[in-house]
PDB file of N, CA and C in Angstrom:
ATOM      1  N   MET A   1     -79.788  95.240  81.046  1.00  0.00           N
ATOM      2  CA  MET A   1     -80.167  96.504  80.452  1.00  0.00           C
ATOM      3  C   MET A   1     -79.890  97.598  81.480  1.00  0.00           C
ATOM      4  N   SER A   2     -79.185  98.622  81.102  1.00  0.00           N
ATOM      5  CA  SER A   2     -78.874  99.708  82.014  1.00  0.00           C
ATOM      6  C   SER A   2     -80.028 100.705  82.070  1.00  0.00           C
ATOM      7  N   GLU A   3     -79.970 101.609  83.047  1.00  0.00           N
ATOM      8  CA  GLU A   3     -81.034 102.609  83.184  1.00  0.00           C
ATOM      9  C   GLU A   3     -81.117 103.510  81.958  1.00  0.00           C
ATOM     10  N   ASN A   4     -80.000 103.748  81.298  1.00  0.00           N
ATOM     11  CA  ASN A   4     -79.998 104.602  80.112  1.00  0.00           C
ATOM     12  C   ASN A   4     -80.654 103.936  78.915  1.00  0.00           C
ATOM     13  N   ASP A   5     -80.766 102.603  78.946  1.00  0.00           N
ATOM     14  CA  ASP A   5     -81.355 101.861  77.831  1.00  0.00           C
ATOM     15  C   ASP A   5     -82.841 101.576  78.036  1.00  0.00           C
ATOM     16  N   THR A   6     -83.452 102.150  79.065  1.00  0.00           N
ATOM     17  CA  THR A   6     -84.848 101.871  79.369  1.00  0.00           C
ATOM     18  C   THR A   6     -85.739 102.293  78.210  1.00  0.00           C
ATOM     19  N   VAL A   7     -86.659 101.383  77.852  1.00  0.00           N
ATOM     20  CA  VAL A   7     -87.623 101.653  76.791  1.00  0.00           C
ATOM     21  C   VAL A   7     -89.002 101.671  77.434  1.00  0.00           C
ATOM     22  N   TRP A   8     -89.766 102.725  77.182  1.00  0.00           N
ATOM     23  CA  TRP A   8     -91.105 102.830  77.752  1.00  0.00           C
ATOM     24  C   TRP A   8     -92.080 102.007  76.937  1.00  0.00           C
ATOM     25  N   ARG A   9     -92.907 101.240  77.643  1.00  0.00           N
ATOM     26  CA  ARG A   9     -93.972 100.482  76.990  1.00  0.00           C
ATOM     27  C   ARG A   9     -95.190 101.378  76.877  1.00  0.00           C
ATOM     28  N   SER A  10     -95.942 101.201  75.796  1.00  0.00           N
ATOM     29  CA  SER A  10     -97.158 101.989  75.643  1.00  0.00           C
ATOM     30  C   SER A  10     -98.282 101.426  76.505  1.00  0.00           C
ATOM     31  N   GLU A  11     -98.155 100.179  76.935  1.00  0.00           N
ATOM     32  CA  GLU A  11     -99.165  99.529  77.769  1.00  0.00           C
ATOM     33  C   GLU A  11     -98.452  98.841  78.928  1.00  0.00           C
ATOM     34  N   PRO A  12     -98.975  98.980  80.148  1.00  0.00           N
ATOM     35  CA  PRO A  12     -98.326  98.333  81.294  1.00  0.00           C
ATOM     36  C   PRO A  12     -98.275  96.813  81.136  1.00  0.00           C
ATOM     37  N   LEU A  13     -97.218  96.215  81.644  1.00  0.00           N
ATOM     38  CA  LEU A  13     -96.998  94.776  81.517  1.00  0.00           C
ATOM     39  C   LEU A  13     -98.129  93.967  82.151  1.00  0.00           C
ATOM     40  N   ASP A  14     -98.671  94.444  83.273  1.00  0.00           N
ATOM     41  CA  ASP A  14     -99.758  93.695  83.904  1.00  0.00           C
ATOM     42  C   ASP A  14    -100.995  93.627  83.010  1.00  0.00           C
ATOM     43  N   LEU A  15    -101.290  94.699  82.272  1.00  0.00           N
ATOM     44  CA  LEU A  15    -102.431  94.677  81.353  1.00  0.00           C
ATOM     45  C   LEU A  15    -102.168  93.768  80.160  1.00  0.00           C
ATOM     46  N   ILE A  16    -100.935  93.728  79.691  1.00  0.00           N
ATOM     47  CA  ILE A  16    -100.572  92.828  78.585  1.00  0.00           C
ATOM     48  C   ILE A  16    -100.763  91.377  79.027  1.00  0.00           C
ATOM     49  N   ILE A  17    -100.327  91.054  80.242  1.00  0.00           N
ATOM     50  CA  ILE A  17    -100.465  89.689  80.762  1.00  0.00           C
ATOM     51  C   ILE A  17    -101.932  89.309  80.892  1.00  0.00           C
ATOM     52  N   LEU A  18    -102.745  90.193  81.450  1.00  0.00           N
ATOM     53  CA  LEU A  18    -104.176  89.903  81.591  1.00  0.00           C
ATOM     54  C   LEU A  18    -104.837  89.708  80.234  1.00  0.00           C
ATOM     55  N   ASP A  19    -104.448  90.513  79.249  1.00  0.00           N
ATOM     56  CA  ASP A  19    -105.001  90.372  77.899  1.00  0.00           C
ATOM     57  C   ASP A  19    -104.617  89.023  77.286  1.00  0.00           C
ATOM     58  N   LEU A  20    -103.359  88.623  77.441  1.00  0.00           N
ATOM     59  CA  LEU A  20    -102.916  87.324  76.918  1.00  0.00           C
ATOM     60  C   LEU A  20    -103.660  86.172  77.593  1.00  0.00           C
ATOM     61  N   LEU A  21    -103.881  86.275  78.892  1.00  0.00           N
ATOM     62  CA  LEU A  21    -104.627  85.236  79.606  1.00  0.00           C
ATOM     63  C   LEU A  21    -106.064  85.144  79.096  1.00  0.00           C
ATOM     64  N   ARG A  22    -106.688  86.290  78.874  1.00  0.00           N
ATOM     65  CA  ARG A  22    -108.065  86.283  78.355  1.00  0.00           C
ATOM     66  C   ARG A  22    -108.122  85.647  76.974  1.00  0.00           C
ATOM     67  N   ARG A  23    -107.141  85.942  76.144  1.00  0.00           N
ATOM     68  CA  ARG A  23    -107.104  85.374  74.787  1.00  0.00           C
ATOM     69  C   ARG A  23    -106.905  83.862  74.807  1.00  0.00           C
ATOM     70  N   LYS A  24    -106.245  83.349  75.836  1.00  0.00           N
ATOM     71  CA  LYS A  24    -105.964  81.912  75.943  1.00  0.00           C
ATOM     72  C   LYS A  24    -106.940  81.235  76.905  1.00  0.00           C
ATOM     73  N   GLU A  25    -108.162  81.699  76.906  1.00  0.00           N
ATOM     74  CA  GLU A  25    -109.255  81.115  77.697  1.00  0.00           C
ATOM     75  C   GLU A  25    -108.974  81.100  79.193  1.00  0.00           C
ATOM     76  N   GLY A  26    -108.203  82.054  79.665  1.00  0.00           N
ATOM     77  CA  GLY A  26    -108.034  82.246  81.099  1.00  0.00           C
ATOM     78  C   GLY A  26    -106.855  81.591  81.779  1.00  0.00           C
ATOM     79  N   SER A  27    -106.082  80.757  81.072  1.00  0.00           N
ATOM     80  CA  SER A  27    -104.927  80.155  81.749  1.00  0.00           C
ATOM     81  C   SER A  27    -103.782  79.865  80.782  1.00  0.00           C
ATOM     82  N   LEU A  28    -102.587  79.947  81.320  1.00  0.00           N
ATOM     83  CA  LEU A  28    -101.351  79.686  80.576  1.00  0.00           C
ATOM     84  C   LEU A  28    -100.303  79.158  81.537  1.00  0.00           C
ATOM     85  N   LYS A  29     -99.381  78.361  81.027  1.00  0.00           N
ATOM     86  CA  LYS A  29     -98.210  77.978  81.816  1.00  0.00           C
ATOM     87  C   LYS A  29     -97.241  79.152  81.794  1.00  0.00           C
ATOM     88  N   ASP A  30     -96.427  79.260  82.834  1.00  0.00           N
ATOM     89  CA  ASP A  30     -95.510  80.391  82.934  1.00  0.00           C
ATOM     90  C   ASP A  30     -94.510  80.442  81.789  1.00  0.00           C
ATOM     91  N   ASP A  31     -94.024  79.275  81.324  1.00  0.00           N
ATOM     92  CA  ASP A  31     -93.057  79.289  80.224  1.00  0.00           C
ATOM     93  C   ASP A  31     -93.712  79.726  78.908  1.00  0.00           C
ATOM     94  N   GLU A  32     -94.979  79.352  78.695  1.00  0.00           N
ATOM     95  CA  GLU A  32     -95.700  79.801  77.496  1.00  0.00           C
ATOM     96  C   GLU A  32     -95.910  81.312  77.536  1.00  0.00           C
ATOM     97  N   LEU A  33     -96.305  81.811  78.704  1.00  0.00           N
ATOM     98  CA  LEU A  33     -96.515  83.248  78.870  1.00  0.00           C
ATOM     99  C   LEU A  33     -95.214  84.009  78.633  1.00  0.00           C
ATOM    100  N   PHE A  34     -94.116  83.511  79.186  1.00  0.00           N
ATOM    101  CA  PHE A  34     -92.823  84.172  79.026  1.00  0.00           C
ATOM    102  C   PHE A  34     -92.414  84.241  77.555  1.00  0.00           C
ATOM    103  N   GLU A  35     -92.591  83.154  76.813  1.00  0.00           N
ATOM    104  CA  GLU A  35     -92.248  83.146  75.384  1.00  0.00           C
ATOM    105  C   GLU A  35     -93.107  84.139  74.602  1.00  0.00           C
ATOM    106  N   MET A  36     -94.389  84.215  74.928  1.00  0.00           N
ATOM    107  CA  MET A  36     -95.273  85.169  74.258  1.00  0.00           C
ATOM    108  C   MET A  36     -94.837  86.604  74.551  1.00  0.00           C
ATOM    109  N   LEU A  37     -94.490  86.863  75.797  1.00  0.00           N
ATOM    110  CA  LEU A  37     -94.072  88.210  76.191  1.00  0.00           C
ATOM    111  C   LEU A  37     -92.743  88.603  75.556  1.00  0.00           C
ATOM    112  N   LYS A  38     -91.815  87.635  75.421  1.00  0.00           N
ATOM    113  CA  LYS A  38     -90.512  87.944  74.810  1.00  0.00           C
ATOM    114  C   LYS A  38     -90.666  88.457  73.387  1.00  0.00           C
ATOM    115  N   SER A  39     -91.674  87.968  72.676  1.00  0.00           N
ATOM    116  CA  SER A  39     -91.877  88.435  71.303  1.00  0.00           C
ATOM    117  C   SER A  39     -92.526  89.818  71.264  1.00  0.00           C
ATOM    118  N   MET A  40     -93.141  90.229  72.380  1.00  0.00           N
ATOM    119  CA  MET A  40     -93.839  91.512  72.423  1.00  0.00           C
ATOM    120  C   MET A  40     -93.060  92.598  73.159  1.00  0.00           C
ATOM    121  N   VAL A  41     -92.333  92.204  74.204  1.00  0.00           N
ATOM    122  CA  VAL A  41     -91.657  93.151  75.095  1.00  0.00           C
ATOM    123  C   VAL A  41     -90.193  92.757  75.174  1.00  0.00           C
ATOM    124  N   LYS A  42     -89.319  93.530  74.544  1.00  0.00           N
ATOM    125  CA  LYS A  42     -87.926  93.089  74.460  1.00  0.00           C
ATOM    126  C   LYS A  42     -87.161  93.174  75.774  1.00  0.00           C
ATOM    127  N   GLU A  43     -87.608  93.979  76.739  1.00  0.00           N
ATOM    128  CA  GLU A  43     -86.864  94.095  77.991  1.00  0.00           C
ATOM    129  C   GLU A  43     -87.406  93.191  79.099  1.00  0.00           C
ATOM    130  N   ILE A  44     -88.154  92.155  78.749  1.00  0.00           N
ATOM    131  CA  ILE A  44     -88.719  91.235  79.740  1.00  0.00           C
ATOM    132  C   ILE A  44     -87.661  90.236  80.222  1.00  0.00           C
ATOM    133  N   SER A  45     -87.746  89.884  81.496  1.00  0.00           N
ATOM    134  CA  SER A  45     -86.884  88.848  82.079  1.00  0.00           C
ATOM    135  C   SER A  45     -87.736  88.059  83.072  1.00  0.00           C
ATOM    136  N   LEU A  46     -87.252  86.895  83.486  1.00  0.00           N
ATOM    137  CA  LEU A  46     -88.010  86.096  84.451  1.00  0.00           C
ATOM    138  C   LEU A  46     -88.229  86.828  85.780  1.00  0.00           C
ATOM    139  N   PRO A  47     -87.220  87.527  86.320  1.00  0.00           N
ATOM    140  CA  PRO A  47     -87.480  88.267  87.562  1.00  0.00           C
ATOM    141  C   PRO A  47     -88.560  89.348  87.399  1.00  0.00           C
ATOM    142  N   ILE A  48     -88.566  90.036  86.259  1.00  0.00           N
ATOM    143  CA  ILE A  48     -89.595  91.050  86.007  1.00  0.00           C
ATOM    144  C   ILE A  48     -90.962  90.384  85.900  1.00  0.00           C
ATOM    145  N   LEU A  49     -91.042  89.286  85.153  1.00  0.00           N
ATOM    146  CA  LEU A  49     -92.308  88.568  85.006  1.00  0.00           C
ATOM    147  C   LEU A  49     -92.817  88.094  86.365  1.00  0.00           C
ATOM    148  N   ASN A  50     -91.949  87.502  87.169  1.00  0.00           N
ATOM    149  CA  ASN A  50     -92.366  87.009  88.487  1.00  0.00           C
ATOM    150  C   ASN A  50     -92.854  88.133  89.393  1.00  0.00           C
ATOM    151  N   LYS A  51     -92.226  89.294  89.305  1.00  0.00           N
ATOM    152  CA  LYS A  51     -92.644  90.446  90.108  1.00  0.00           C
ATOM    153  C   LYS A  51     -94.049  90.896  89.709  1.00  0.00           C
ATOM    154  N   VAL A  52     -94.315  90.962  88.406  1.00  0.00           N
ATOM    155  CA  VAL A  52     -95.635  91.384  87.927  1.00  0.00           C
ATOM    156  C   VAL A  52     -96.689  90.331  88.268  1.00  0.00           C
ATOM    157  N   LEU A  53     -96.336  89.043  88.133  1.00  0.00           N
ATOM    158  CA  LEU A  53     -97.275  87.975  88.491  1.00  0.00           C
ATOM    159  C   LEU A  53     -97.619  88.044  89.980  1.00  0.00           C
ATOM    160  N   MET A  54     -96.632  88.320  90.824  1.00  0.00           N
ATOM    161  CA  MET A  54     -96.873  88.441  92.263  1.00  0.00           C
ATOM    162  C   MET A  54     -97.830  89.601  92.545  1.00  0.00           C
ATOM    163  N   LYS A  55     -97.612  90.722  91.870  1.00  0.00           N
ATOM    164  CA  LYS A  55     -98.488  91.889  92.043  1.00  0.00           C
ATOM    165  C   LYS A  55     -99.923  91.550  91.635  1.00  0.00           C
ATOM    166  N   LEU A  56    -100.084  90.876  90.499  1.00  0.00           N
ATOM    167  CA  LEU A  56    -101.413  90.505  90.021  1.00  0.00           C
ATOM    168  C   LEU A  56    -102.082  89.505  90.967  1.00  0.00           C
ATOM    169  N   GLU A  57    -101.298  88.595  91.527  1.00  0.00           N
ATOM    170  CA  GLU A  57    -101.864  87.616  92.451  1.00  0.00           C
ATOM    171  C   GLU A  57    -102.268  88.284  93.768  1.00  0.00           C
ATOM    172  N   LEU A  58    -101.445  89.180  94.270  1.00  0.00           N
ATOM    173  CA  LEU A  58    -101.760  89.868  95.527  1.00  0.00           C
ATOM    174  C   LEU A  58    -102.974  90.782  95.408  1.00  0.00           C
ATOM    175  N   THR A  59    -103.229  91.294  94.208  1.00  0.00           N
ATOM    176  CA  THR A  59    -104.402  92.151  93.999  1.00  0.00           C
ATOM    177  C   THR A  59    -105.642  91.349  93.609  1.00  0.00           C
ATOM    178  N   GLY A  60    -105.526  90.023  93.580  1.00  0.00           N
ATOM    179  CA  GLY A  60    -106.679  89.171  93.334  1.00  0.00           C
ATOM    180  C   GLY A  60    -107.109  89.044  91.887  1.00  0.00           C
ATOM    181  N   LYS A  61    -106.216  89.361  90.957  1.00  0.00           N
ATOM    182  CA  LYS A  61    -106.575  89.294  89.538  1.00  0.00           C
ATOM    183  C   LYS A  61    -106.241  87.951  88.903  1.00  0.00           C
ATOM    184  N   ILE A  62    -105.216  87.270  89.440  1.00  0.00           N
ATOM    185  CA  ILE A  62    -104.826  85.956  88.914  1.00  0.00           C
ATOM    186  C   ILE A  62    -104.546  85.007  90.068  1.00  0.00           C
ATOM    187  N   ASN A  63    -104.455  83.737  89.734  1.00  0.00           N
ATOM    188  CA  ASN A  63    -104.019  82.710  90.675  1.00  0.00           C
ATOM    189  C   ASN A  63    -102.837  81.992  90.026  1.00  0.00           C
ATOM    190  N   VAL A  64    -101.776  81.782  90.787  1.00  0.00           N
ATOM    191  CA  VAL A  64    -100.599  81.073  90.284  1.00  0.00           C
ATOM    192  C   VAL A  64    -100.474  79.769  91.062  1.00  0.00           C
ATOM    193  N   SER A  65    -100.524  78.642  90.344  1.00  0.00           N
ATOM    194  CA  SER A  65    -100.440  77.315  90.960  1.00  0.00           C
ATOM    195  C   SER A  65     -99.160  76.627  90.518  1.00  0.00           C
ATOM    196  N   SER A  66     -98.551  75.883  91.433  1.00  0.00           N
ATOM    197  CA  SER A  66     -97.340  75.131  91.100  1.00  0.00           C
ATOM    198  C   SER A  66     -97.703  73.832  90.395  1.00  0.00           C
ATOM    199  N   LEU A  67     -96.938  73.516  89.361  1.00  0.00           N
ATOM    200  CA  LEU A  67     -97.050  72.247  88.653  1.00  0.00           C
ATOM    201  C   LEU A  67     -95.751  71.486  88.868  1.00  0.00           C
ATOM    202  N   LYS A  68     -95.670  70.251  88.380  1.00  0.00           N
ATOM    203  CA  LYS A  68     -94.403  69.518  88.484  1.00  0.00           C
ATOM    204  C   LYS A  68     -93.293  70.276  87.781  1.00  0.00           C
ATOM    205  N   LYS A  69     -93.604  70.832  86.622  1.00  0.00           N
ATOM    206  CA  LYS A  69     -92.642  71.654  85.883  1.00  0.00           C
ATOM    207  C   LYS A  69     -93.285  73.006  85.626  1.00  0.00           C
ATOM    208  N   GLY A  70     -92.851  74.006  86.360  1.00  0.00           N
ATOM    209  CA  GLY A  70     -93.344  75.355  86.143  1.00  0.00           C
ATOM    210  C   GLY A  70     -94.569  75.702  86.970  1.00  0.00           C
ATOM    211  N   LYS A  71     -95.304  76.700  86.465  1.00  0.00           N
ATOM    212  CA  LYS A  71     -96.477  77.218  87.161  1.00  0.00           C
ATOM    213  C   LYS A  71     -97.613  77.386  86.171  1.00  0.00           C
ATOM    214  N   LEU A  72     -98.837  77.305  86.670  1.00  0.00           N
ATOM    215  CA  LEU A  72    -100.019  77.568  85.872  1.00  0.00           C
ATOM    216  C   LEU A  72    -100.612  78.876  86.353  1.00  0.00           C
ATOM    217  N   ILE A  73    -100.803  79.822  85.431  1.00  0.00           N
ATOM    218  CA  ILE A  73    -101.359  81.121  85.755  1.00  0.00           C
ATOM    219  C   ILE A  73    -102.793  81.143  85.250  1.00  0.00           C
ATOM    220  N   THR A  74    -103.734  81.449  86.143  1.00  0.00           N
ATOM    221  CA  THR A  74    -105.147  81.453  85.804  1.00  0.00           C
ATOM    222  C   THR A  74    -105.751  82.790  86.183  1.00  0.00           C
ATOM    223  N   ILE A  75    -106.536  83.362  85.283  1.00  0.00           N
ATOM    224  CA  ILE A  75    -107.212  84.622  85.574  1.00  0.00           C
ATOM    225  C   ILE A  75    -108.391  84.326  86.496  1.00  0.00           C
ATOM    226  N   ILE A  76    -108.631  85.201  87.462  1.00  0.00           N
ATOM    227  CA  ILE A  76    -109.745  85.035  88.389  1.00  0.00           C
ATOM    228  C   ILE A  76    -110.928  85.812  87.840  1.00  0.00           C
ATOM    229  N   LYS A  77    -112.042  85.127  87.683  1.00  0.00           N
ATOM    230  CA  LYS A  77    -113.254  85.762  87.167  1.00  0.00           C
ATOM    231  C   LYS A  77    -113.808  86.691  88.238  1.00  0.00           C
ATOM    232  N   GLN A  78    -114.141  87.911  87.842  1.00  0.00           N
ATOM    233  CA  GLN A  78    -114.726  88.874  88.765  1.00  0.00           C
ATOM    234  C   GLN A  78    -116.217  88.605  88.909  1.00  0.00           C
ATOM    235  N   LYS A  79    -116.711  88.648  90.143  1.00  0.00           N
ATOM    236  CA  LYS A  79    -118.141  88.457  90.385  1.00  0.00           C
ATOM    237  C   LYS A  79    -118.896  89.685  89.901  1.00  0.00           C
ATOM    238  N   GLU A  80    -120.017  89.443  89.228  1.00  0.00           N
ATOM    239  CA  GLU A  80    -120.841  90.556  88.766  1.00  0.00           C
ATOM    240  C   GLU A  80    -121.789  90.955  89.879  1.00  0.00           C
ATOM    241  N   SER A  81    -121.965  92.257  90.079  1.00  0.00           N
ATOM    242  CA  SER A  81    -122.835  92.750  91.159  1.00  0.00           C
ATOM    243  C   SER A  81    -124.282  92.717  90.765  1.00  0.00           C
TER     244      SER A  81
END
């Protein structure tokens, strides 16, 4: 997709991912998440998904674990004060 073909999302991709994880009881495999996102966000690619997952993991919102095939993405529960 070229820069001229950029389509603005009404909701940031990281919020969409967190919402999908919450709907699926807090965890999804990366391939399941990617398929769900492809039906919602037409400009998604694996490099874009991995970049957003890295951002979410570095900010402490999710945990990404390696499996034999793929990765398991789990939402991190926030401690209540």
